[in-house]
C-alpha atoms as a PDB file:
ATOM      1  CA  UNK A   1       0.014   0.018   0.016  1.00  0.00           C
ATOM      2  CA  UNK A   2       1.501   3.371  -0.974  1.00  0.00           C
ATOM      3  CA  UNK A   3       2.265   6.008   1.623  1.00  0.00           C
ATOM      4  CA  UNK A   4      -0.230   8.858   1.612  1.00  0.00           C
ATOM      5  CA  UNK A   5       1.051  12.132   0.248  1.00  0.00           C
ATOM      6  CA  UNK A   6       2.240  14.663   2.852  1.00  0.00           C
ATOM      7  CA  UNK A   7       0.914  17.517   0.612  1.00  0.00           C
ATOM      8  CA  UNK A   8      -1.607  18.125  -2.095  1.00  0.00           C
ATOM      9  CA  UNK A   9      -1.251  20.650  -4.896  1.00  0.00           C
ATOM     10  CA  UNK A  10      -4.192  22.860  -5.866  1.00  0.00           C
ATOM     11  CA  UNK A  11      -4.399  25.268  -8.822  1.00  0.00           C
ATOM     12  CA  UNK A  12      -7.113  27.607 -10.011  1.00  0.00           C
ATOM     13  CA  UNK A  13      -6.920  29.490 -13.258  1.00  0.00           C
ATOM     14  CA  UNK A  14      -9.167  32.554 -13.667  1.00  0.00           C
ATOM     15  CA  UNK A  15      -9.496  34.332 -17.007  1.00  0.00           C
ATOM     16  CA  UNK A  16     -11.795  36.748 -18.775  1.00  0.00           C
ATOM     17  CA  UNK A  17     -12.849  35.508 -22.228  1.00  0.00           C
ATOM     18  CA  UNK A  18     -12.500  37.743 -25.231  1.00  0.00           C
ATOM     19  CA  UNK A  19     -15.476  36.063 -26.901  1.00  0.00           C
ATOM     20  CA  UNK A  20     -18.623  34.163 -25.701  1.00  0.00           C
ATOM     21  CA  UNK A  21     -18.255  30.450 -24.943  1.00  0.00           C
ATOM     22  CA  UNK A  22     -20.641  29.728 -27.816  1.00  0.00           C
ATOM     23  CA  UNK A  23     -18.446  31.630 -30.356  1.00  0.00           C
ATOM     24  CA  UNK A  24     -16.484  30.010 -33.154  1.00  0.00           C
ATOM     25  CA  UNK A  25     -13.264  31.427 -31.655  1.00  0.00           C
ATOM     26  CA  UNK A  26     -13.709  29.291 -28.525  1.00  0.00           C
ATOM     27  CA  UNK A  27     -15.079  26.119 -30.135  1.00  0.00           C
ATOM     28  CA  UNK A  28     -11.826  24.150 -29.759  1.00  0.00           C
ATOM     29  CA  UNK A  29     -11.450  25.237 -26.150  1.00  0.00           C
ATOM     30  CA  UNK A  30     -15.040  24.347 -25.241  1.00  0.00           C
ATOM     31  CA  UNK A  31     -14.839  21.011 -27.175  1.00  0.00           C
ATOM     32  CA  UNK A  32     -11.760  20.118 -25.181  1.00  0.00           C
ATOM     33  CA  UNK A  33     -13.240  20.698 -21.721  1.00  0.00           C
ATOM     34  CA  UNK A  34     -14.960  17.380 -21.220  1.00  0.00           C
ATOM     35  CA  UNK A  35     -12.088  15.196 -22.483  1.00  0.00           C
ATOM     36  CA  UNK A  36      -9.539  17.088 -20.291  1.00  0.00           C
ATOM     37  CA  UNK A  37     -11.812  16.971 -17.238  1.00  0.00           C
ATOM     38  CA  UNK A  38     -12.310  13.218 -17.798  1.00  0.00           C
ATOM     39  CA  UNK A  39      -8.568  12.633 -17.871  1.00  0.00           C
ATOM     40  CA  UNK A  40      -8.166  14.616 -14.652  1.00  0.00           C
ATOM     41  CA  UNK A  41     -11.036  12.726 -12.950  1.00  0.00           C
ATOM     42  CA  UNK A  42      -9.450   9.393 -13.920  1.00  0.00           C
ATOM     43  CA  UNK A  43      -5.885  10.340 -12.928  1.00  0.00           C
ATOM     44  CA  UNK A  44      -4.267   8.382 -10.102  1.00  0.00           C
ATOM     45  CA  UNK A  45      -4.380  10.490  -6.933  1.00  0.00           C
ATOM     46  CA  UNK A  46      -7.034  12.866  -8.258  1.00  0.00           C
ATOM     47  CA  UNK A  47      -8.855  14.593  -5.403  1.00  0.00           C
ATOM     48  CA  UNK A  48     -11.143  17.421  -6.607  1.00  0.00           C
ATOM     49  CA  UNK A  49     -11.786  19.999  -9.278  1.00  0.00           C
ATOM     50  CA  UNK A  50     -13.975  23.099  -9.355  1.00  0.00           C
ATOM     51  CA  UNK A  51     -17.235  22.496 -11.189  1.00  0.00           C
ATOM     52  CA  UNK A  52     -20.655  24.107 -11.423  1.00  0.00           C
ATOM     53  CA  UNK A  53     -24.022  22.659 -12.456  1.00  0.00           C
ATOM     54  CA  UNK A  54     -22.783  22.158 -16.039  1.00  0.00           C
ATOM     55  CA  UNK A  55     -20.039  19.739 -14.916  1.00  0.00           C
ATOM     56  CA  UNK A  56     -17.110  22.137 -15.490  1.00  0.00           C
ATOM     57  CA  UNK A  57     -16.433  25.557 -14.102  1.00  0.00           C
ATOM     58  CA  UNK A  58     -17.547  27.726 -17.011  1.00  0.00           C
ATOM     59  CA  UNK A  59     -20.784  28.601 -15.190  1.00  0.00           C
ATOM     60  CA  UNK A  60     -19.108  29.648 -11.941  1.00  0.00           C
ATOM     61  CA  UNK A  61     -19.278  33.484 -11.795  1.00  0.00           C
ATOM     62  CA  UNK A  62     -16.037  35.165 -10.862  1.00  0.00           C
ATOM     63  CA  UNK A  63     -15.248  38.843 -10.146  1.00  0.00           C
ATOM     64  CA  UNK A  64     -18.867  39.886 -10.945  1.00  0.00           C
ATOM     65  CA  UNK A  65     -18.830  38.461 -14.475  1.00  0.00           C
ATOM     66  CA  UNK A  66     -21.725  36.412 -15.833  1.00  0.00           C
END
């Protein structure tokens, strides 16, 4: 049985989009969210990730933005 980690690393990225999530400019980004989140969820040692009702964090308001 592996020894539990003495520390855990947490990271949060906050950004303001230059275009709406539904825009063609962000299509590749939006299309990649579910596969990237699935890889994270399945990773050995995965603990937690921020997510809203939509399953990712794109609907979590930050800094007064919608």
